[in-house]
Amino acid sequence: MPSLQCGVALLLLAVPLGAAESALVIEADSVAARQVIALGRQLVVNGTVTSDAAVVGADALVGGEVRGDLIVLGGDARLGAAARVGGDVFVLGGRLDTDRGARIEGRSVSYPTVGSAWLTLLEGPSLGLSPISPIVLGAKLALLAGWVALTLGLFAVSGGGVLSTSRSVGDEPFRNFFVGLTGVVAIFLTALLFAALAATLAGAPMLVLAVLLALLLKLWGMTAVFHALGVWVLERLGKRLTPLNAALLGLVILGAVKLIPYVGTWFWTVATLIGVGATLTTKFGRREPWFEPAAA
């Protein structure tokens, strides 16, 4: 599963290094040929990004061109006068500011009041306490115990489907990251719409369905990530275990990381986005198209 090395590298990129971590800058006259991801660090685009650009937990400053979508979670987006975005611009938990002359070819959506709600879905509630609080650590240990029970249950009920999703995690981690990020944004926008309609007869149940969908995507996807990580580690060690034991090994590794203040949040955020993307890509491991083509 060689492509999973890229996924591990993506996880490492998710850990900001404090003051030593500088902004991710695409200089003028420079071209980024693939997706650009900035996690916990500011993204500055003065050159050209030929695909999508994503920022999580920081701001985006665009003075050049992004030919795909621009997605910012937990930060602000600022488009200069010469900025060009060929796709959509989504900003959740921050503001979108555009100078005169900036051009957005697709849609532009900004929800500054979302705050850290997306992080609650991705990493789990912090209860507003210190990350080293006994209550928070106890809650994380309880959640890890729940993940063990869930992993056992999913492998017992649909182990083949989980393994199919796990292969997608290992083969295309970067693609799944962006699919997951786009999916999370879409779910939040849909949930916000249903929340506005919650007073109506149809709004409340639709909001519940959106939340349940997000939860199912995370639970299935993270189980697949556990297995993919466990297999990757075992391959490095020259060992082999059953698929269930490999998944439990991956869970133990990510569980240990989860207990590290701040670092654990970023690792689980990235892992969740990859897992959600793989779940959407494989349709919960069934690898069928989401929409069948119309009959001729």
Foldseek 3Di string as FASTA:
>chain_A
DVQCVVVVVVLVQQAAPPPVRAAAEQDDPHEAAAEAEHHCHEYEYNHEYAEEYEYEQEEYEYAYEYQYEYEYEQYEYEYELNYEYNEEYEYELYYYHYDHNHYYNYYYYYDNPNHCVLLCLQQNDQVPDDLLDPVNLVVLVVVLVVLLVLLVVCCVPPVLLLQLLLVVCRPCQPQLLVLLSVVSRVLVVQLVVLVVVCVDPPSVVVNVVSVVVSNVQQSSLLLSLLQNVLVVVCVVVVHDDPSSVSSVNSSVVLSVQCSDPPSNSSSSNSSSSSRSSSCVCCVSRVNDDPDDDDDD
